[in-house]
Amino acid sequence: MEIGDILAALERFAPLSFQEDYDNAGLQLGLTKVEATGVLLCLDITEDVIDEAVACGCNLVVSHHPLVFRPIKSITGRNYVERCIIKAIKNDIAIYSAHTNLDNILNGVNSEIACRLGLSNLRILRPVTDALMKLITFVPSAHLESVRNALFDAGCGKIGNYDSCSYSSYGEGTFRALEGANPFVGNINSIHHEKEERLEVVFHSYMKNRVIQVLLDAHPYETPAYDIVGLYSTTSEIGGGMIGELPEPVPAADFMKRIKDEFKVERLAYSGNTDRMISRVAVCGGAGSFLIGDAVRQKADLFMTGEIKYHEMCGFENEIVLVETGHYESEQFTQNLIENFLKKQFPELKTMITNIGTNLKKYL
């Protein structure tokens, strides 16, 4: 398989359109029409990781944090980012990052964290409100099922835990084919009346171009009529953070020990009452303090994330227990998440997790 095949699968799993505006997820450098010799997975890319990829015969490195995060005006080797770029290019290694797009999907980074902490009934903590669109088109009654099924196969009609969702209503359409047209029904220069169904399906906005093409391919008319409408509604599949429940309440101190053991953290920063009984937990990998208010509003007993600024810890001690693990520590299992996905998609592909500690924060 080619590197491009692997990247296409990753982008179906975590579409790049789901990343935040400030992010730079996606292909960082390298060629895609090259046979893949192996994939090395990491949280952050360092020079040692590139060396490891060369030694292991992997010509694709997939990271969570983008190597190229800020604009680069020159590449002279003055810092580790530029040296990594030079070394990767010299060794024909492609670099790809799945960052906030992987954070923002239902089965992404935060789901991995929540599952490792034993949470169930998982749902997005802050669902997005502008990720859905609706297609409205008009189909001859006899062709309704074939067009509808083609749109379903393209990913339309998924709402929460339901798929194949659509609405249709009966009516009559009219048109007149002009000179040069090749009408499916009707005659040139004659007004035609056709029994039609108005078909409506929702889809994620990143799918727009593909949905239009599928409609044009499946619809019997030479020039089908359709509308695409943006929807201001939340989707339970995209957004920030995750919230879920424990099987039974436990003291906060006991749950925090579980966090330390599972994430191999020597010490946690926290605020709040450690005697508080915990049953509903919110989590966010990385710098998730922007979701504290959401966790409080959804009545979480504890919120765990990688980074919380000092003053952001203040003022919530009677409402919630706030726990900071460290940025790297909170997202360390992202490598396993991507590895499991790739092994299911490409069983024959050599996939490895780095043996290099890539935490960019060092401690004395």
Protein backbone atom coordinates (compact mmCIF):
# COMPACT_ATOMS: atom_id res chain seq x y z
CA MET A 1 0.00 0.00 0.00
CA GLU A 2 1.01 3.60 -0.46
CA ILE A 3 1.47 6.17 2.28
CA GLY A 4 -1.49 8.04 0.80
CA ASP A 5 -3.77 5.06 1.48
CA ILE A 6 -2.87 5.18 5.17
CA LEU A 7 -3.41 8.93 5.40
CA ALA A 8 -6.78 8.64 3.64
CA ALA A 9 -7.90 6.09 6.24
CA LEU A 10 -6.73 8.31 9.10
CA GLU A 11 -8.67 11.24 7.65
CA ARG A 12 -11.84 9.17 7.35
CA PHE A 13 -11.41 8.33 11.04
CA ALA A 14 -10.56 11.89 12.14
CA PRO A 15 -11.39 14.35 9.33
CA LEU A 16 -9.06 17.33 9.12
CA SER A 17 -12.06 19.67 8.98
CA PHE A 18 -12.66 18.82 12.66
CA GLN A 19 -9.42 20.47 13.79
CA GLU A 20 -9.42 23.82 15.57
CA ASP A 21 -8.59 26.99 13.64
CA TYR A 22 -5.22 27.39 15.34
CA ASP A 23 -4.09 23.85 14.55
CA ASN A 24 -1.92 22.41 11.77
CA ALA A 25 -2.93 18.75 11.63
CA GLY A 26 -2.43 16.69 8.49
CA LEU A 27 0.54 15.91 6.26
CA GLN A 28 3.53 17.89 7.49
CA LEU A 29 6.03 16.80 4.88
CA GLY A 30 6.83 13.93 2.54
CA LEU A 31 5.44 12.16 -0.51
CA THR A 32 2.24 10.12 -0.44
CA LYS A 33 2.54 8.09 -3.66
CA VAL A 34 5.26 5.97 -2.11
CA GLU A 35 4.99 2.42 -0.84
CA ALA A 36 4.68 2.38 2.95
CA THR A 37 7.41 0.37 4.66
CA GLY A 38 6.08 0.92 8.18
CA VAL A 39 4.55 3.46 10.54
CA LEU A 40 6.15 4.76 13.72
CA LEU A 41 3.73 6.38 16.18
CA CYS A 42 4.57 9.05 18.74
CA LEU A 43 3.09 11.91 20.70
CA ASP A 44 5.79 14.40 19.74
CA ILE A 45 8.43 14.20 17.02
CA THR A 46 12.06 14.60 18.06
CA GLU A 47 15.35 13.93 16.30
CA ASP A 48 15.62 10.63 18.18
CA VAL A 49 12.21 9.60 16.84
CA ILE A 50 13.36 10.23 13.26
CA ASP A 51 16.50 8.18 13.94
CA GLU A 52 14.33 5.40 15.36
CA ALA A 53 12.12 5.43 12.25
CA VAL A 54 15.20 5.08 10.03
CA ALA A 55 16.58 2.22 12.15
CA CYS A 56 13.21 0.41 12.14
CA GLY A 57 12.62 0.84 8.43
CA CYS A 58 9.51 3.02 8.83
CA ASN A 59 9.05 5.71 6.19
CA LEU A 60 5.99 7.27 7.84
CA VAL A 61 5.88 8.88 11.29
CA VAL A 62 2.43 9.69 12.69
CA SER A 63 2.38 12.02 15.68
CA HIS A 64 -0.36 13.56 17.77
CA HIS A 65 1.25 16.98 18.18
CA PRO A 66 2.23 18.63 14.88
CA LEU A 67 5.95 19.04 14.30
CA VAL A 68 5.25 22.16 12.23
CA PHE A 69 2.90 24.11 14.47
CA ARG A 70 4.04 27.69 13.78
CA PRO A 71 5.01 29.23 10.44
CA ILE A 72 8.60 28.56 9.36
CA LYS A 73 10.46 31.16 7.30
CA SER A 74 13.69 29.23 6.86
CA ILE A 75 15.08 25.77 7.53
CA THR A 76 18.65 26.04 8.75
CA GLY A 77 18.77 23.56 11.63
CA ARG A 78 18.72 26.23 14.34
CA ASN A 79 16.19 24.29 16.46
CA TYR A 80 14.96 20.72 16.82
CA VAL A 81 11.93 21.31 14.57
CA GLU A 82 14.11 22.39 11.66
CA ARG A 83 16.61 19.61 12.32
CA CYS A 84 13.79 17.04 12.30
CA ILE A 85 12.55 18.38 8.97
CA ILE A 86 16.02 18.18 7.42
CA LYS A 87 16.61 14.67 8.76
CA ALA A 88 13.19 13.42 7.63
CA ILE A 89 13.65 14.77 4.11
CA LYS A 90 17.15 13.29 3.83
CA ASN A 91 15.79 9.87 4.80
CA ASP A 92 12.59 10.00 2.69
CA ILE A 93 10.33 9.93 5.74
CA ALA A 94 6.84 11.40 5.62
CA ILE A 95 5.39 13.06 8.72
CA TYR A 96 1.68 13.26 9.51
CA SER A 97 -0.11 14.62 12.58
CA ALA A 98 -3.60 13.92 13.92
CA HIS A 99 -4.11 16.56 16.62
CA THR A 100 -7.30 18.42 17.56
CA ASN A 101 -9.22 16.60 14.83
CA LEU A 102 -8.47 13.42 16.80
CA ASP A 103 -9.37 15.21 20.05
CA ASN A 104 -12.76 16.28 18.71
CA ILE A 105 -14.22 12.98 17.52
CA LEU A 106 -16.41 10.73 19.63
CA ASN A 107 -14.02 7.76 19.57
CA GLY A 108 -10.84 9.80 19.79
CA VAL A 109 -8.35 10.90 22.42
CA ASN A 110 -10.85 11.72 25.14
CA SER A 111 -12.74 8.49 24.69
CA GLU A 112 -9.47 6.61 25.13
CA ILE A 113 -8.83 8.48 28.39
CA ALA A 114 -12.38 7.91 29.67
CA CYS A 115 -12.33 4.19 28.91
CA ARG A 116 -9.02 3.73 30.69
CA LEU A 117 -10.58 5.34 33.78
CA GLY A 118 -13.56 2.97 33.68
CA LEU A 119 -16.19 5.49 32.59
CA SER A 120 -19.33 4.45 30.71
CA ASN A 121 -22.28 6.21 29.05
CA LEU A 122 -19.76 8.45 27.31
CA ARG A 123 -20.78 11.63 25.52
CA ILE A 124 -19.11 14.78 24.21
CA LEU A 125 -18.72 17.41 26.95
CA ARG A 126 -19.07 20.41 24.62
CA PRO A 127 -20.71 19.38 21.33
CA VAL A 128 -20.16 21.62 18.33
CA THR A 129 -23.15 23.52 16.95
CA ASP A 130 -22.31 24.03 13.27
CA ALA A 131 -21.01 20.71 11.96
CA LEU A 132 -24.21 19.49 10.29
CA MET A 133 -25.80 20.32 6.96
CA LYS A 134 -28.96 19.12 5.26
CA LEU A 135 -29.42 18.08 1.66
CA ILE A 136 -32.84 18.60 0.09
CA THR A 137 -33.44 17.15 -3.36
CA PHE A 138 -36.34 16.02 -5.56
CA VAL A 139 -36.38 12.51 -6.99
CA PRO A 140 -38.80 10.63 -9.27
CA SER A 141 -40.78 8.31 -7.00
CA ALA A 142 -39.54 5.17 -8.75
CA HIS A 143 -35.91 6.13 -8.04
CA LEU A 144 -36.30 7.30 -4.46
CA GLU A 145 -34.82 4.20 -2.82
CA SER A 146 -31.76 3.98 -5.08
CA VAL A 147 -30.86 7.66 -4.56
CA ARG A 148 -31.55 7.50 -0.83
CA ASN A 149 -29.44 4.36 -0.38
CA ALA A 150 -26.56 5.89 -2.35
CA LEU A 151 -26.61 8.88 0.02
CA PHE A 152 -26.74 6.57 3.05
CA ASP A 153 -23.73 4.65 1.71
CA ALA A 154 -21.89 7.97 1.40
CA GLY A 155 -22.43 8.65 5.12
CA CYS A 156 -25.60 10.75 5.08
CA GLY A 157 -28.46 10.24 7.49
CA LYS A 158 -26.51 9.57 10.68
CA ILE A 159 -27.98 11.18 13.81
CA GLY A 160 -26.52 10.15 17.16
CA ASN A 161 -26.84 6.38 17.56
CA TYR A 162 -29.08 6.09 14.49
CA ASP A 163 -28.25 5.86 10.81
CA SER A 164 -30.28 5.70 7.58
CA CYS A 165 -32.31 8.69 8.78
CA SER A 166 -34.23 10.61 6.10
CA TYR A 167 -37.53 12.32 5.38
CA SER A 168 -39.52 12.26 2.17
CA SER A 169 -42.79 13.85 1.08
CA TYR A 170 -44.80 13.37 -2.09
CA GLY A 171 -45.41 16.07 -4.67
CA GLU A 172 -45.23 16.98 -8.33
CA GLY A 173 -42.38 18.65 -10.15
CA THR A 174 -42.38 20.43 -13.50
CA PHE A 175 -39.66 21.27 -16.01
CA ARG A 176 -39.18 21.96 -19.68
CA ALA A 177 -36.14 20.56 -21.48
CA LEU A 178 -34.60 23.10 -23.85
CA GLU A 179 -32.64 22.53 -27.03
CA GLY A 180 -29.39 20.72 -26.26
CA ALA A 181 -30.75 18.96 -23.17
CA ASN A 182 -30.84 15.19 -22.76
CA PRO A 183 -33.86 14.72 -20.47
CA PHE A 184 -34.38 11.51 -18.52
CA VAL A 185 -38.16 11.95 -19.02
CA GLY A 186 -40.18 14.43 -21.04
CA ASN A 187 -39.71 15.95 -24.47
CA ILE A 188 -37.71 18.90 -25.77
CA ASN A 189 -39.62 22.20 -25.58
CA SER A 190 -42.59 20.61 -23.75
CA ILE A 191 -43.48 21.22 -20.10
CA HIS A 192 -43.33 17.92 -18.24
CA HIS A 193 -45.09 17.00 -14.97
CA GLU A 194 -43.40 14.31 -12.87
CA LYS A 195 -44.46 12.59 -9.65
CA GLU A 196 -41.54 13.26 -7.32
CA GLU A 197 -40.46 12.83 -3.71
CA ARG A 198 -38.79 15.58 -1.73
CA LEU A 199 -35.89 13.82 0.01
CA GLU A 200 -34.06 15.30 3.02
CA VAL A 201 -30.94 13.90 4.72
CA VAL A 202 -28.38 15.38 7.13
CA PHE A 203 -24.61 14.98 6.87
CA HIS A 204 -21.42 16.35 8.39
CA SER A 205 -20.24 19.51 6.67
CA TYR A 206 -16.81 18.08 5.80
CA MET A 207 -18.62 15.60 3.51
CA LYS A 208 -20.27 18.28 1.38
CA ASN A 209 -18.33 17.81 -1.87
CA ARG A 210 -18.57 14.03 -1.70
CA VAL A 211 -22.31 14.14 -0.99
CA ILE A 212 -22.94 16.41 -3.98
CA GLN A 213 -20.97 14.11 -6.27
CA VAL A 214 -22.82 11.01 -5.01
CA LEU A 215 -26.14 12.76 -5.59
CA LEU A 216 -25.18 13.73 -9.16
CA ASP A 217 -24.01 10.19 -9.90
CA ALA A 218 -27.07 8.47 -8.40
CA HIS A 219 -29.83 10.82 -9.52
CA PRO A 220 -31.50 9.90 -12.83
CA TYR A 221 -31.98 13.52 -13.96
CA GLU A 222 -29.39 15.17 -16.16
CA THR A 223 -29.44 18.25 -13.88
CA PRO A 224 -31.03 17.43 -10.52
CA ALA A 225 -32.29 20.24 -8.32
CA TYR A 226 -30.98 20.33 -4.76
CA ASP A 227 -30.50 22.66 -1.79
CA ILE A 228 -27.84 22.45 0.95
CA VAL A 229 -28.70 24.15 4.21
CA GLY A 230 -26.41 24.79 7.17
CA LEU A 231 -27.89 23.63 10.47
CA TYR A 232 -27.34 25.33 13.80
CA SER A 233 -27.71 22.23 15.93
CA THR A 234 -25.42 20.24 18.18
CA THR A 235 -23.99 16.91 17.16
CA SER A 236 -23.15 14.29 19.74
CA GLU A 237 -20.23 13.02 17.65
CA ILE A 238 -17.95 16.08 17.47
CA GLY A 239 -16.70 18.47 20.13
CA GLY A 240 -14.44 19.06 23.10
CA GLY A 241 -13.91 16.77 26.06
CA MET A 242 -15.84 13.76 27.27
CA ILE A 243 -18.12 13.04 30.20
CA GLY A 244 -19.29 9.75 31.64
CA GLU A 245 -20.21 7.82 34.76
CA LEU A 246 -18.46 5.41 37.09
CA PRO A 247 -20.14 2.08 37.93
CA GLU A 248 -20.47 3.24 41.54
CA PRO A 249 -19.44 6.35 43.51
CA VAL A 250 -15.93 6.45 44.97
CA PRO A 251 -14.12 9.06 47.11
CA ALA A 252 -12.20 11.59 45.03
CA ALA A 253 -8.95 10.58 46.71
CA ASP A 254 -9.41 6.97 45.57
CA PHE A 255 -10.25 8.01 42.04
CA MET A 256 -7.23 10.29 41.90
CA LYS A 257 -5.05 7.33 42.91
CA ARG A 258 -6.59 5.43 40.00
CA ILE A 259 -5.56 8.28 37.69
CA LYS A 260 -1.99 8.22 39.05
CA ASP A 261 -1.72 4.45 38.58
CA GLU A 262 -3.27 4.33 35.10
CA PHE A 263 -1.36 7.31 33.72
CA LYS A 264 1.85 6.60 35.66
CA VAL A 265 1.93 10.08 37.16
CA GLU A 266 4.10 10.64 40.24
CA ARG A 267 2.02 13.53 41.49
CA LEU A 268 -1.19 15.33 40.55
CA ALA A 269 -2.12 18.98 40.94
CA TYR A 270 -5.68 19.38 42.17
CA SER A 271 -8.19 21.61 43.90
CA GLY A 272 -11.36 20.70 45.73
CA ASN A 273 -12.48 18.30 48.42
CA THR A 274 -10.79 14.88 48.17
CA ASP A 275 -13.50 13.38 50.40
CA ARG A 276 -16.16 14.22 47.81
CA MET A 277 -17.90 11.17 46.33
CA ILE A 278 -17.25 10.91 42.61
CA SER A 279 -19.71 9.36 40.17
CA ARG A 280 -19.74 11.64 37.09
CA VAL A 281 -16.35 12.48 35.57
CA ALA A 282 -15.35 14.82 32.74
CA VAL A 283 -12.01 14.54 30.96
CA CYS A 284 -10.03 16.37 28.29
CA GLY A 285 -6.59 15.47 27.03
CA GLY A 286 -4.00 18.24 26.81
CA ALA A 287 -4.84 21.82 27.72
CA GLY A 288 -8.53 21.44 28.56
CA SER A 289 -9.15 24.11 31.18
CA PHE A 290 -11.46 25.92 28.74
CA LEU A 291 -13.99 23.17 29.51
CA ILE A 292 -14.14 23.66 33.30
CA GLY A 293 -17.37 25.64 33.03
CA ASP A 294 -18.93 22.94 30.84
CA ALA A 295 -17.99 20.26 33.36
CA VAL A 296 -19.59 22.28 36.17
CA ARG A 297 -22.77 22.93 34.16
CA GLN A 298 -23.11 19.23 33.40
CA LYS A 299 -22.70 18.48 37.11
CA ALA A 300 -19.47 16.52 36.85
CA ASP A 301 -17.99 15.70 40.24
CA LEU A 302 -14.43 15.73 38.91
CA PHE A 303 -12.72 17.15 35.84
CA MET A 304 -9.35 15.78 34.73
CA THR A 305 -7.16 17.41 32.10
CA GLY A 306 -3.51 17.86 31.22
CA GLU A 307 -3.03 21.55 31.99
CA ILE A 308 -4.83 24.09 34.19
CA LYS A 309 -3.39 27.54 34.90
CA TYR A 310 -2.94 28.49 38.55
CA HIS A 311 -5.82 30.98 38.79
CA GLU A 312 -8.13 28.71 36.78
CA MET A 313 -8.04 26.35 39.75
CA CYS A 314 -9.71 28.99 41.92
CA GLY A 315 -13.39 29.43 42.61
CA PHE A 316 -14.72 25.92 41.96
CA GLU A 317 -13.72 24.10 45.16
CA ASN A 318 -17.35 23.71 46.29
CA GLU A 319 -18.61 22.56 42.88
CA ILE A 320 -16.06 20.18 41.41
CA VAL A 321 -12.67 18.56 41.96
CA LEU A 322 -10.16 19.75 39.34
CA VAL A 323 -7.22 17.47 38.52
CA GLU A 324 -4.16 18.28 36.40
CA THR A 325 -2.01 15.37 35.21
CA GLY A 326 0.44 17.06 32.85
CA HIS A 327 -0.11 17.60 29.12
CA TYR A 328 2.00 14.73 27.82
CA GLU A 329 0.81 12.38 30.54
CA SER A 330 -2.87 12.95 29.74
CA GLU A 331 -2.44 12.15 26.03
CA GLN A 332 0.17 9.40 26.15
CA PHE A 333 -2.28 6.68 25.07
CA THR A 334 -3.10 8.47 21.83
CA GLN A 335 -0.34 6.35 20.27
CA ASN A 336 -2.23 3.20 21.25
CA LEU A 337 -5.48 4.61 19.88
CA ILE A 338 -3.93 5.22 16.45
CA GLU A 339 -2.10 1.90 16.48
CA ASN A 340 -5.31 -0.04 17.17
CA PHE A 341 -7.08 1.78 14.35
CA LEU A 342 -4.30 1.15 11.82
CA LYS A 343 -4.01 -2.54 12.74
CA LYS A 344 -7.71 -3.03 12.07
CA GLN A 345 -7.54 -1.16 8.77
CA PHE A 346 -4.21 -2.60 7.56
CA PRO A 347 -3.43 -5.92 9.33
CA GLU A 348 -0.29 -6.47 7.24
CA LEU A 349 1.15 -3.00 7.88
CA LYS A 350 4.16 -2.77 10.21
CA THR A 351 3.01 -0.43 12.97
CA MET A 352 5.15 0.50 15.96
CA ILE A 353 4.96 2.80 18.98
CA THR A 354 8.13 4.74 19.68
CA ASN A 355 10.42 3.61 22.47
CA ILE A 356 11.63 7.20 22.87
CA GLY A 357 10.28 9.36 25.68
CA THR A 358 9.10 12.46 23.81
CA ASN A 359 7.74 14.62 26.63
CA LEU A 360 8.95 18.11 25.73
CA LYS A 361 8.72 19.16 29.40
CA LYS A 362 11.73 18.08 31.43
CA TYR A 363 11.87 17.88 35.22
CA LEU A 364 14.70 18.02 37.73
